[in-house]
Amino acid sequence: MKKLMLNGYIINISSTASLSPNQHYPVYSASKAGVNAYTLAESKQQENGISFLVVCPGPTNTPMRKKIDKQAHLKQSPLVVAQIVQKILKPNSKYKNGDLIVIANEIESVLRMK
């Protein structure tokens, strides 16, 4: 099979629910933990300068959050989450293949998984 991507980032979006499972949404938490595990496994096989990262936003003011949380408007802005993802893509990014990036209260932190 011919490789089409020679370098760059593959960013998977997960959730902090993958790190601290929610008893009310166990399937959601488990599926997001699977995204983390998949990303880490792929990062260990990385070839050709491709970096696999996973972004885990905390509670964010999204339409899904509004359905389950009356105080969704007090959660972090999806725009801030998107801006952090944009920052990840910059050429001089501090992020490394296999990183798990947590965005909570509009602040990012990195967990080095490898």
PDB file of N, CA and C in Angstrom:
ATOM      1  N   MET A   1       0.841  -1.180   0.000  1.00  0.00           N
ATOM      2  CA  MET A   1       0.000   0.000   0.000  1.00  0.00           C
ATOM      3  C   MET A   1       0.884   1.241   0.000  1.00  0.00           C
ATOM      4  N   LYS A   2       0.579   2.174  -0.840  1.00  0.00           N
ATOM      5  CA  LYS A   2       1.336   3.410  -0.938  1.00  0.00           C
ATOM      6  C   LYS A   2       0.960   4.359   0.195  1.00  0.00           C
ATOM      7  N   LYS A   3       1.964   4.912   0.867  1.00  0.00           N
ATOM      8  CA  LYS A   3       1.725   5.878   1.940  1.00  0.00           C
ATOM      9  C   LYS A   3       1.440   7.244   1.310  1.00  0.00           C
ATOM     10  N   LEU A   4       0.356   7.857   1.719  1.00  0.00           N
ATOM     11  CA  LEU A   4      -0.003   9.159   1.173  1.00  0.00           C
ATOM     12  C   LEU A   4       0.493  10.301   2.044  1.00  0.00           C
ATOM     13  N   MET A   5       0.662  10.061   3.329  1.00  0.00           N
ATOM     14  CA  MET A   5       1.080  11.109   4.263  1.00  0.00           C
ATOM     15  C   MET A   5       2.530  10.864   4.646  1.00  0.00           C
ATOM     16  N   LEU A   6       3.366  11.860   4.427  1.00  0.00           N
ATOM     17  CA  LEU A   6       4.790  11.700   4.700  1.00  0.00           C
ATOM     18  C   LEU A   6       5.230  12.342   6.001  1.00  0.00           C
ATOM     19  N   ASN A   7       4.520  13.350   6.458  1.00  0.00           N
ATOM     20  CA  ASN A   7       4.819  13.968   7.747  1.00  0.00           C
ATOM     21  C   ASN A   7       3.612  14.781   8.186  1.00  0.00           C
ATOM     22  N   GLY A   8       3.640  15.222   9.434  1.00  0.00           N
ATOM     23  CA  GLY A   8       2.544  16.029   9.950  1.00  0.00           C
ATOM     24  C   GLY A   8       1.965  15.435  11.217  1.00  0.00           C
ATOM     25  N   TYR A   9       0.775  15.896  11.556  1.00  0.00           N
ATOM     26  CA  TYR A   9       0.112  15.491  12.785  1.00  0.00           C
ATOM     27  C   TYR A   9      -1.208  14.796  12.485  1.00  0.00           C
ATOM     28  N   ILE A  10      -1.488  13.780  13.261  1.00  0.00           N
ATOM     29  CA  ILE A  10      -2.824  13.210  13.337  1.00  0.00           C
ATOM     30  C   ILE A  10      -3.268  13.471  14.771  1.00  0.00           C
ATOM     31  N   ILE A  11      -4.309  14.277  14.918  1.00  0.00           N
ATOM     32  CA  ILE A  11      -4.797  14.677  16.235  1.00  0.00           C
ATOM     33  C   ILE A  11      -6.161  14.051  16.454  1.00  0.00           C
ATOM     34  N   ASN A  12      -6.246  13.209  17.459  1.00  0.00           N
ATOM     35  CA  ASN A  12      -7.523  12.608  17.830  1.00  0.00           C
ATOM     36  C   ASN A  12      -8.096  13.376  19.017  1.00  0.00           C
ATOM     37  N   ILE A  13      -9.408  13.555  19.005  1.00  0.00           N
ATOM     38  CA  ILE A  13     -10.071  14.288  20.072  1.00  0.00           C
ATOM     39  C   ILE A  13     -10.727  13.286  21.022  1.00  0.00           C
ATOM     40  N   SER A  14     -10.379  13.399  22.283  1.00  0.00           N
ATOM     41  CA  SER A  14     -10.894  12.516  23.323  1.00  0.00           C
ATOM     42  C   SER A  14     -11.631  13.379  24.343  1.00  0.00           C
ATOM     43  N   SER A  15     -11.407  13.145  25.617  1.00  0.00           N
ATOM     44  CA  SER A  15     -12.083  13.880  26.680  1.00  0.00           C
ATOM     45  C   SER A  15     -11.379  13.592  28.001  1.00  0.00           C
ATOM     46  N   THR A  16     -11.498  14.506  28.942  1.00  0.00           N
ATOM     47  CA  THR A  16     -10.975  14.219  30.277  1.00  0.00           C
ATOM     48  C   THR A  16     -11.783  13.096  30.935  1.00  0.00           C
ATOM     49  N   ALA A  17     -12.952  12.793  30.401  1.00  0.00           N
ATOM     50  CA  ALA A  17     -13.732  11.651  30.903  1.00  0.00           C
ATOM     51  C   ALA A  17     -12.974  10.346  30.693  1.00  0.00           C
ATOM     52  N   SER A  18     -12.021  10.339  29.781  1.00  0.00           N
ATOM     53  CA  SER A  18     -11.197   9.143  29.560  1.00  0.00           C
ATOM     54  C   SER A  18     -10.188   8.942  30.683  1.00  0.00           C
ATOM     55  N   LEU A  19      -9.871  10.008  31.396  1.00  0.00           N
ATOM     56  CA  LEU A  19      -8.877   9.962  32.474  1.00  0.00           C
ATOM     57  C   LEU A  19      -9.526   9.836  33.847  1.00  0.00           C
ATOM     58  N   SER A  20     -10.742  10.332  33.952  1.00  0.00           N
ATOM     59  CA  SER A  20     -11.499  10.269  35.199  1.00  0.00           C
ATOM     60  C   SER A  20     -12.926   9.874  34.820  1.00  0.00           C
ATOM     61  N   PRO A  21     -13.178   8.565  34.694  1.00  0.00           N
ATOM     62  CA  PRO A  21     -14.467   8.105  34.167  1.00  0.00           C
ATOM     63  C   PRO A  21     -15.665   8.630  34.941  1.00  0.00           C
ATOM     64  N   ASN A  22     -16.701   8.927  34.201  1.00  0.00           N
ATOM     65  CA  ASN A  22     -17.946   9.464  34.741  1.00  0.00           C
ATOM     66  C   ASN A  22     -18.931   8.310  34.936  1.00  0.00           C
ATOM     67  N   GLN A  23     -19.401   8.115  36.153  1.00  0.00           N
ATOM     68  CA  GLN A  23     -20.307   7.001  36.444  1.00  0.00           C
ATOM     69  C   GLN A  23     -21.646   7.138  35.716  1.00  0.00           C
ATOM     70  N   HIS A  24     -22.003   8.334  35.312  1.00  0.00           N
ATOM     71  CA  HIS A  24     -23.271   8.532  34.608  1.00  0.00           C
ATOM     72  C   HIS A  24     -23.159   8.211  33.122  1.00  0.00           C
ATOM     73  N   TYR A  25     -21.942   8.216  32.603  1.00  0.00           N
ATOM     74  CA  TYR A  25     -21.706   7.980  31.173  1.00  0.00           C
ATOM     75  C   TYR A  25     -20.536   7.017  30.989  1.00  0.00           C
ATOM     76  N   PRO A  26     -20.670   5.782  31.497  1.00  0.00           N
ATOM     77  CA  PRO A  26     -19.536   4.856  31.430  1.00  0.00           C
ATOM     78  C   PRO A  26     -19.125   4.489  30.008  1.00  0.00           C
ATOM     79  N   VAL A  27     -20.069   4.360  29.095  1.00  0.00           N
ATOM     80  CA  VAL A  27     -19.723   3.995  27.717  1.00  0.00           C
ATOM     81  C   VAL A  27     -18.961   5.139  27.052  1.00  0.00           C
ATOM     82  N   TYR A  28     -19.396   6.371  27.303  1.00  0.00           N
ATOM     83  CA  TYR A  28     -18.678   7.530  26.759  1.00  0.00           C
ATOM     84  C   TYR A  28     -17.244   7.561  27.290  1.00  0.00           C
ATOM     85  N   SER A  29     -17.083   7.398  28.592  1.00  0.00           N
ATOM     86  CA  SER A  29     -15.750   7.410  29.196  1.00  0.00           C
ATOM     87  C   SER A  29     -14.878   6.304  28.618  1.00  0.00           C
ATOM     88  N   ALA A  30     -15.444   5.113  28.484  1.00  0.00           N
ATOM     89  CA  ALA A  30     -14.681   3.978  27.955  1.00  0.00           C
ATOM     90  C   ALA A  30     -14.298   4.186  26.496  1.00  0.00           C
ATOM     91  N   SER A  31     -15.213   4.745  25.705  1.00  0.00           N
ATOM     92  CA  SER A  31     -14.893   4.961  24.289  1.00  0.00           C
ATOM     93  C   SER A  31     -13.784   6.001  24.133  1.00  0.00           C
ATOM     94  N   LYS A  32     -13.786   7.009  24.986  1.00  0.00           N
ATOM     95  CA  LYS A  32     -12.725   8.021  24.921  1.00  0.00           C
ATOM     96  C   LYS A  32     -11.394   7.449  25.406  1.00  0.00           C
ATOM     97  N   ALA A  33     -11.421   6.557  26.387  1.00  0.00           N
ATOM     98  CA  ALA A  33     -10.193   5.879  26.817  1.00  0.00           C
ATOM     99  C   ALA A  33      -9.640   5.038  25.666  1.00  0.00           C
ATOM    100  N   GLY A  34     -10.528   4.468  24.871  1.00  0.00           N
ATOM    101  CA  GLY A  34     -10.101   3.722  23.681  1.00  0.00           C
ATOM    102  C   GLY A  34      -9.418   4.614  22.664  1.00  0.00           C
ATOM    103  N   VAL A  35      -9.901   5.832  22.501  1.00  0.00           N
ATOM    104  CA  VAL A  35      -9.251   6.794  21.600  1.00  0.00           C
ATOM    105  C   VAL A  35      -7.826   7.067  22.079  1.00  0.00           C
ATOM    106  N   ASN A  36      -7.666   7.235  23.391  1.00  0.00           N
ATOM    107  CA  ASN A  36      -6.327   7.475  23.954  1.00  0.00           C
ATOM    108  C   ASN A  36      -5.406   6.296  23.670  1.00  0.00           C
ATOM    109  N   ALA A  37      -5.889   5.084  23.937  1.00  0.00           N
ATOM    110  CA  ALA A  37      -5.073   3.883  23.746  1.00  0.00           C
ATOM    111  C   ALA A  37      -4.712   3.705  22.269  1.00  0.00           C
ATOM    112  N   TYR A  38      -5.663   3.921  21.386  1.00  0.00           N
ATOM    113  CA  TYR A  38      -5.404   3.814  19.948  1.00  0.00           C
ATOM    114  C   TYR A  38      -4.322   4.803  19.512  1.00  0.00           C
ATOM    115  N   THR A  39      -4.446   6.034  19.975  1.00  0.00           N
ATOM    116  CA  THR A  39      -3.481   7.074  19.595  1.00  0.00           C
ATOM    117  C   THR A  39      -2.084   6.717  20.081  1.00  0.00           C
ATOM    118  N   LEU A  40      -1.979   6.272  21.313  1.00  0.00           N
ATOM    119  CA  LEU A  40      -0.670   5.897  21.855  1.00  0.00           C
ATOM    120  C   LEU A  40      -0.086   4.720  21.081  1.00  0.00           C
ATOM    121  N   ALA A  41      -0.907   3.725  20.767  1.00  0.00           N
ATOM    122  CA  ALA A  41      -0.423   2.573  19.997  1.00  0.00           C
ATOM    123  C   ALA A  41       0.080   3.011  18.625  1.00  0.00           C
ATOM    124  N   GLU A  42      -0.656   3.874  17.956  1.00  0.00           N
ATOM    125  CA  GLU A  42      -0.225   4.374  16.649  1.00  0.00           C
ATOM    126  C   GLU A  42       1.060   5.184  16.764  1.00  0.00           C
ATOM    127  N   SER A  43       1.201   5.943  17.848  1.00  0.00           N
ATOM    128  CA  SER A  43       2.403   6.774  18.007  1.00  0.00           C
ATOM    129  C   SER A  43       3.653   5.914  18.123  1.00  0.00           C
ATOM    130  N   LYS A  44       3.505   4.717  18.650  1.00  0.00           N
ATOM    131  CA  LYS A  44       4.657   3.818  18.803  1.00  0.00           C
ATOM    132  C   LYS A  44       5.089   3.223  17.470  1.00  0.00           C
ATOM    133  N   GLN A  45       4.209   3.291  16.477  1.00  0.00           N
ATOM    134  CA  GLN A  45       4.528   2.775  15.150  1.00  0.00           C
ATOM    135  C   GLN A  45       4.815   3.898  14.161  1.00  0.00           C
ATOM    136  N   GLN A  46       4.907   5.116  14.656  1.00  0.00           N
ATOM    137  CA  GLN A  46       4.994   6.270  13.756  1.00  0.00           C
ATOM    138  C   GLN A  46       6.148   6.131  12.784  1.00  0.00           C
ATOM    139  N   GLU A  47       5.861   6.521  11.561  1.00  0.00           N
ATOM    140  CA  GLU A  47       6.836   6.492  10.488  1.00  0.00           C
ATOM    141  C   GLU A  47       6.794   7.823   9.754  1.00  0.00           C
ATOM    142  N   ASN A  48       7.871   8.126   9.068  1.00  0.00           N
ATOM    143  CA  ASN A  48       7.898   9.272   8.151  1.00  0.00           C
ATOM    144  C   ASN A  48       7.576  10.611   8.801  1.00  0.00           C
ATOM    145  N   GLY A  49       7.879  10.771  10.076  1.00  0.00           N
ATOM    146  CA  GLY A  49       7.656  12.061  10.711  1.00  0.00           C
ATOM    147  C   GLY A  49       6.218  12.370  11.053  1.00  0.00           C
ATOM    148  N   ILE A  50       5.360  11.377  11.050  1.00  0.00           N
ATOM    149  CA  ILE A  50       3.963  11.579  11.428  1.00  0.00           C
ATOM    150  C   ILE A  50       3.870  11.486  12.948  1.00  0.00           C
ATOM    151  N   SER A  51       3.259  12.483  13.572  1.00  0.00           N
ATOM    152  CA  SER A  51       3.071  12.499  15.018  1.00  0.00           C
ATOM    153  C   SER A  51       1.604  12.283  15.338  1.00  0.00           C
ATOM    154  N   PHE A  52       1.351  11.365  16.262  1.00  0.00           N
ATOM    155  CA  PHE A  52      -0.005  11.082  16.729  1.00  0.00           C
ATOM    156  C   PHE A  52      -0.178  11.709  18.101  1.00  0.00           C
ATOM    157  N   LEU A  53      -1.177  12.576  18.232  1.00  0.00           N
ATOM    158  CA  LEU A  53      -1.469  13.266  19.482  1.00  0.00           C
ATOM    159  C   LEU A  53      -2.940  13.070  19.815  1.00  0.00           C
ATOM    160  N   VAL A  54      -3.245  13.153  21.095  1.00  0.00           N
ATOM    161  CA  VAL A  54      -4.638  13.104  21.514  1.00  0.00           C
ATOM    162  C   VAL A  54      -4.924  14.324  22.386  1.00  0.00           C
ATOM    163  N   VAL A  55      -6.027  14.994  22.096  1.00  0.00           N
ATOM    164  CA  VAL A  55      -6.451  16.174  22.852  1.00  0.00           C
ATOM    165  C   VAL A  55      -7.654  15.771  23.696  1.00  0.00           C
ATOM    166  N   CYS A  56      -7.564  16.053  25.005  1.00  0.00           N
ATOM    167  CA  CYS A  56      -8.621  15.704  25.956  1.00  0.00           C
ATOM    168  C   CYS A  56      -9.191  16.967  26.585  1.00  0.00           C
ATOM    169  N   PRO A  57     -10.200  17.557  25.956  1.00  0.00           N
ATOM    170  CA  PRO A  57     -10.824  18.724  26.577  1.00  0.00           C
ATOM    171  C   PRO A  57     -11.647  18.313  27.801  1.00  0.00           C
ATOM    172  N   GLY A  58     -11.643  19.186  28.795  1.00  0.00           N
ATOM    173  CA  GLY A  58     -12.543  19.021  29.925  1.00  0.00           C
ATOM    174  C   GLY A  58     -13.917  19.529  29.520  1.00  0.00           C
ATOM    175  N   PRO A  59     -14.826  19.684  30.476  1.00  0.00           N
ATOM    176  CA  PRO A  59     -16.170  20.157  30.159  1.00  0.00           C
ATOM    177  C   PRO A  59     -16.132  21.434  29.315  1.00  0.00           C
ATOM    178  N   THR A  60     -16.831  21.373  28.189  1.00  0.00           N
ATOM    179  CA  THR A  60     -16.812  22.452  27.204  1.00  0.00           C
ATOM    180  C   THR A  60     -18.249  22.821  26.844  1.00  0.00           C
ATOM    181  N   ASN A  61     -18.497  24.079  26.636  1.00  0.00           N
ATOM    182  CA  ASN A  61     -19.826  24.603  26.319  1.00  0.00           C
ATOM    183  C   ASN A  61     -20.186  24.241  24.870  1.00  0.00           C
ATOM    184  N   THR A  62     -20.676  23.022  24.692  1.00  0.00           N
ATOM    185  CA  THR A  62     -21.076  22.522  23.374  1.00  0.00           C
ATOM    186  C   THR A  62     -22.556  22.149  23.398  1.00  0.00           C
ATOM    187  N   PRO A  63     -23.161  21.912  22.232  1.00  0.00           N
ATOM    188  CA  PRO A  63     -24.564  21.483  22.227  1.00  0.00           C
ATOM    189  C   PRO A  63     -24.793  20.204  23.039  1.00  0.00           C
ATOM    190  N   MET A  64     -23.846  19.262  22.994  1.00  0.00           N
ATOM    191  CA  MET A  64     -24.002  18.043  23.790  1.00  0.00           C
ATOM    192  C   MET A  64     -24.012  18.370  25.283  1.00  0.00           C
ATOM    193  N   ARG A  65     -23.105  19.236  25.718  1.00  0.00           N
ATOM    194  CA  ARG A  65     -23.020  19.621  27.134  1.00  0.00           C
ATOM    195  C   ARG A  65     -24.301  20.315  27.565  1.00  0.00           C
ATOM    196  N   LYS A  66     -24.876  21.150  26.692  1.00  0.00           N
ATOM    197  CA  LYS A  66     -26.096  21.886  27.038  1.00  0.00           C
ATOM    198  C   LYS A  66     -27.274  20.953  27.317  1.00  0.00           C
ATOM    199  N   LYS A  67     -27.256  19.765  26.687  1.00  0.00           N
ATOM    200  CA  LYS A  67     -28.341  18.799  26.905  1.00  0.00           C
ATOM    201  C   LYS A  67     -28.269  18.154  28.278  1.00  0.00           C
ATOM    202  N   ILE A  68     -27.086  18.099  28.878  1.00  0.00           N
ATOM    203  CA  ILE A  68     -26.927  17.380  30.148  1.00  0.00           C
ATOM    204  C   ILE A  68     -26.568  18.277  31.325  1.00  0.00           C
ATOM    205  N   ASP A  69     -26.298  19.553  31.056  1.00  0.00           N
ATOM    206  CA  ASP A  69     -25.775  20.427  32.108  1.00  0.00           C
ATOM    207  C   ASP A  69     -26.412  21.811  32.005  1.00  0.00           C
ATOM    208  N   LYS A  70     -27.195  22.175  33.007  1.00  0.00           N
ATOM    209  CA  LYS A  70     -27.848  23.489  33.011  1.00  0.00           C
ATOM    210  C   LYS A  70     -26.840  24.631  33.124  1.00  0.00           C
ATOM    211  N   GLN A  71     -25.628  24.325  33.571  1.00  0.00           N
ATOM    212  CA  GLN A  71     -24.612  25.365  33.710  1.00  0.00           C
ATOM    213  C   GLN A  71     -23.545  25.252  32.614  1.00  0.00           C
ATOM    214  N   ALA A  72     -23.931  24.725  31.463  1.00  0.00           N
ATOM    215  CA  ALA A  72     -22.989  24.552  30.357  1.00  0.00           C
ATOM    216  C   ALA A  72     -22.338  25.870  29.959  1.00  0.00           C
ATOM    217  N   HIS A  73     -23.090  26.951  30.081  1.00  0.00           N
ATOM    218  CA  HIS A  73     -22.562  28.264  29.699  1.00  0.00           C
ATOM    219  C   HIS A  73     -21.358  28.676  30.556  1.00  0.00           C
ATOM    220  N   LEU A  74     -21.169  28.019  31.699  1.00  0.00           N
ATOM    221  CA  LEU A  74     -20.036  28.333  32.578  1.00  0.00           C
ATOM    222  C   LEU A  74     -18.789  27.498  32.245  1.00  0.00           C
ATOM    223  N   LYS A  75     -18.919  26.562  31.328  1.00  0.00           N
ATOM    224  CA  LYS A  75     -17.803  25.684  30.968  1.00  0.00           C
ATOM    225  C   LYS A  75     -16.888  26.391  29.967  1.00  0.00           C
ATOM    226  N   GLN A  76     -15.724  25.761  29.704  1.00  0.00           N
ATOM    227  CA  GLN A  76     -14.758  26.401  28.813  1.00  0.00           C
ATOM    228  C   GLN A  76     -15.314  26.561  27.397  1.00  0.00           C
ATOM    229  N   SER A  77     -14.787  27.538  26.731  1.00  0.00           N
ATOM    230  CA  SER A  77     -15.225  27.875  25.388  1.00  0.00           C
ATOM    231  C   SER A  77     -14.669  26.891  24.360  1.00  0.00           C
ATOM    232  N   PRO A  78     -15.520  26.429  23.436  1.00  0.00           N
ATOM    233  CA  PRO A  78     -15.006  25.579  22.367  1.00  0.00           C
ATOM    234  C   PRO A  78     -14.006  26.323  21.481  1.00  0.00           C
ATOM    235  N   LEU A  79     -14.133  27.639  21.409  1.00  0.00           N
ATOM    236  CA  LEU A  79     -13.182  28.436  20.629  1.00  0.00           C
ATOM    237  C   LEU A  79     -11.774  28.334  21.220  1.00  0.00           C
ATOM    238  N   VAL A  80     -11.662  28.357  22.534  1.00  0.00           N
ATOM    239  CA  VAL A  80     -10.352  28.221  23.186  1.00  0.00           C
ATOM    240  C   VAL A  80      -9.763  26.847  22.889  1.00  0.00           C
ATOM    241  N   VAL A  81     -10.588  25.819  22.940  1.00  0.00           N
ATOM    242  CA  VAL A  81     -10.112  24.469  22.626  1.00  0.00           C
ATOM    243  C   VAL A  81      -9.593  24.445  21.185  1.00  0.00           C
ATOM    244  N   ALA A  82     -10.342  25.032  20.265  1.00  0.00           N
ATOM    245  CA  ALA A  82      -9.912  25.068  18.855  1.00  0.00           C
ATOM    246  C   ALA A  82      -8.610  25.859  18.686  1.00  0.00           C
ATOM    247  N   GLN A  83      -8.456  26.952  19.421  1.00  0.00           N
ATOM    248  CA  GLN A  83      -7.221  27.741  19.334  1.00  0.00           C
ATOM    249  C   GLN A  83      -6.014  26.943  19.833  1.00  0.00           C
ATOM    250  N   ILE A  84      -6.208  26.145  20.852  1.00  0.00           N
ATOM    251  CA  ILE A  84      -5.108  25.314  21.357  1.00  0.00           C
ATOM    252  C   ILE A  84      -4.753  24.244  20.323  1.00  0.00           C
ATOM    253  N   VAL A  85      -5.753  23.666  19.684  1.00  0.00           N
ATOM    254  CA  VAL A  85      -5.481  22.688  18.624  1.00  0.00           C
ATOM    255  C   VAL A  85      -4.705  23.365  17.487  1.00  0.00           C
ATOM    256  N   GLN A  86      -5.065  24.588  17.130  1.00  0.00           N
ATOM    257  CA  GLN A  86      -4.318  25.335  16.117  1.00  0.00           C
ATOM    258  C   GLN A  86      -2.868  25.516  16.536  1.00  0.00           C
ATOM    259  N   LYS A  87      -2.645  25.819  17.799  1.00  0.00           N
ATOM    260  CA  LYS A  87      -1.288  26.016  18.321  1.00  0.00           C
ATOM    261  C   LYS A  87      -0.458  24.736  18.186  1.00  0.00           C
ATOM    262  N   ILE A  88      -1.106  23.604  18.379  1.00  0.00           N
ATOM    263  CA  ILE A  88      -0.419  22.320  18.246  1.00  0.00           C
ATOM    264  C   ILE A  88       0.162  22.163  16.841  1.00  0.00           C
ATOM    265  N   LEU A  89      -0.529  22.688  15.855  1.00  0.00           N
ATOM    266  CA  LEU A  89      -0.134  22.518  14.462  1.00  0.00           C
ATOM    267  C   LEU A  89       0.970  23.458  13.997  1.00  0.00           C
ATOM    268  N   LYS A  90       1.371  24.397  14.824  1.00  0.00           N
ATOM    269  CA  LYS A  90       2.414  25.354  14.432  1.00  0.00           C
ATOM    270  C   LYS A  90       3.756  24.629  14.268  1.00  0.00           C
ATOM    271  N   PRO A  91       4.603  25.122  13.366  1.00  0.00           N
ATOM    272  CA  PRO A  91       5.878  24.459  13.094  1.00  0.00           C
ATOM    273  C   PRO A  91       6.790  24.285  14.312  1.00  0.00           C
ATOM    274  N   ASN A  92       6.806  25.217  15.219  1.00  0.00           N
ATOM    275  CA  ASN A  92       7.682  25.114  16.394  1.00  0.00           C
ATOM    276  C   ASN A  92       6.938  24.600  17.624  1.00  0.00           C
ATOM    277  N   SER A  93       5.964  23.750  17.408  1.00  0.00           N
ATOM    278  CA  SER A  93       5.137  23.214  18.487  1.00  0.00           C
ATOM    279  C   SER A  93       5.989  22.451  19.497  1.00  0.00           C
ATOM    280  N   LYS A  94       5.629  22.567  20.766  1.00  0.00           N
ATOM    281  CA  LYS A  94       6.354  21.863  21.835  1.00  0.00           C
ATOM    282  C   LYS A  94       5.889  20.417  21.991  1.00  0.00           C
ATOM    283  N   TYR A  95       4.863  20.051  21.265  1.00  0.00           N
ATOM    284  CA  TYR A  95       4.264  18.735  21.431  1.00  0.00           C
ATOM    285  C   TYR A  95       5.037  17.672  20.678  1.00  0.00           C
ATOM    286  N   LYS A  96       5.055  16.469  21.266  1.00  0.00           N
ATOM    287  CA  LYS A  96       5.793  15.355  20.691  1.00  0.00           C
ATOM    288  C   LYS A  96       4.854  14.198  20.389  1.00  0.00           C
ATOM    289  N   ASN A  97       5.296  13.369  19.475  1.00  0.00           N
ATOM    290  CA  ASN A  97       4.547  12.183  19.117  1.00  0.00           C
ATOM    291  C   ASN A  97       4.167  11.406  20.384  1.00  0.00           C
ATOM    292  N   GLY A  98       2.884  11.070  20.518  1.00  0.00           N
ATOM    293  CA  GLY A  98       2.410  10.310  21.668  1.00  0.00           C
ATOM    294  C   GLY A  98       1.908  11.152  22.824  1.00  0.00           C
ATOM    295  N   ASP A  99       1.979  12.473  22.711  1.00  0.00           N
ATOM    296  CA  ASP A  99       1.515  13.328  23.805  1.00  0.00           C
ATOM    297  C   ASP A  99      -0.002  13.289  23.945  1.00  0.00           C
ATOM    298  N   LEU A 100      -0.439  13.381  25.184  1.00  0.00           N
ATOM    299  CA  LEU A 100      -1.842  13.539  25.526  1.00  0.00           C
ATOM    300  C   LEU A 100      -1.970  14.955  26.087  1.00  0.00           C
ATOM    301  N   ILE A 101      -2.770  15.777  25.445  1.00  0.00           N
ATOM    302  CA  ILE A 101      -2.898  17.180  25.817  1.00  0.00           C
ATOM    303  C   ILE A 101      -4.258  17.386  26.473  1.00  0.00           C
ATOM    304  N   VAL A 102      -4.230  17.767  27.740  1.00  0.00           N
ATOM    305  CA  VAL A 102      -5.448  18.019  28.498  1.00  0.00           C
ATOM    306  C   VAL A 102      -5.740  19.514  28.437  1.00  0.00           C
ATOM    307  N   ILE A 103      -6.982  19.852  28.149  1.00  0.00           N
ATOM    308  CA  ILE A 103      -7.418  21.252  28.159  1.00  0.00           C
ATOM    309  C   ILE A 103      -8.536  21.358  29.193  1.00  0.00           C
ATOM    310  N   ALA A 104      -8.214  21.941  30.326  1.00  0.00           N
ATOM    311  CA  ALA A 104      -9.185  22.087  31.411  1.00  0.00           C
ATOM    312  C   ALA A 104      -9.173  23.530  31.887  1.00  0.00           C
ATOM    313  N   ASN A 105     -10.349  24.095  32.024  1.00  0.00           N
ATOM    314  CA  ASN A 105     -10.478  25.501  32.433  1.00  0.00           C
ATOM    315  C   ASN A 105      -9.674  26.411  31.524  1.00  0.00           C
ATOM    316  N   GLU A 106      -9.673  26.064  30.228  1.00  0.00           N
ATOM    317  CA  GLU A 106      -9.011  26.840  29.181  1.00  0.00           C
ATOM    318  C   GLU A 106      -7.497  26.907  29.343  1.00  0.00           C
ATOM    319  N   ILE A 107      -6.930  25.942  30.076  1.00  0.00           N
ATOM    320  CA  ILE A 107      -5.480  25.845  30.267  1.00  0.00           C
ATOM    321  C   ILE A 107      -5.048  24.471  29.784  1.00  0.00           C
ATOM    322  N   GLU A 108      -3.961  24.442  29.049  1.00  0.00           N
ATOM    323  CA  GLU A 108      -3.476  23.165  28.528  1.00  0.00           C
ATOM    324  C   GLU A 108      -2.342  22.617  29.383  1.00  0.00           C
ATOM    325  N   SER A 109      -2.274  21.311  29.441  1.00  0.00           N
ATOM    326  CA  SER A 109      -1.151  20.629  30.082  1.00  0.00           C
ATOM    327  C   SER A 109      -0.879  19.374  29.271  1.00  0.00           C
ATOM    328  N   VAL A 110       0.337  18.878  29.374  1.00  0.00           N
ATOM    329  CA  VAL A 110       0.756  17.748  28.552  1.00  0.00           C
ATOM    330  C   VAL A 110       1.104  16.566  29.420  1.00  0.00           C
ATOM    331  N   LEU A 111       0.633  15.401  29.036  1.00  0.00           N
ATOM    332  CA  LEU A 111       1.057  14.145  29.637  1.00  0.00           C
ATOM    333  C   LEU A 111       1.870  13.426  28.582  1.00  0.00           C
ATOM    334  N   ARG A 112       3.116  13.120  28.905  1.00  0.00           N
ATOM    335  CA  ARG A 112       3.962  12.364  27.977  1.00  0.00           C
ATOM    336  C   ARG A 112       3.689  10.896  28.215  1.00  0.00           C
ATOM    337  N   MET A 113       3.110  10.252  27.233  1.00  0.00           N
ATOM    338  CA  MET A 113       2.667   8.867  27.383  1.00  0.00           C
ATOM    339  C   MET A 113       3.758   7.856  27.033  1.00  0.00           C
ATOM    340  N   LYS A 114       4.850   8.317  26.427  1.00  0.00           N
ATOM    341  CA  LYS A 114       5.898   7.370  26.024  1.00  0.00           C
ATOM    342  C   LYS A 114       7.123   7.561  26.881  1.00  0.00           C
TER     343      LYS A 114
END
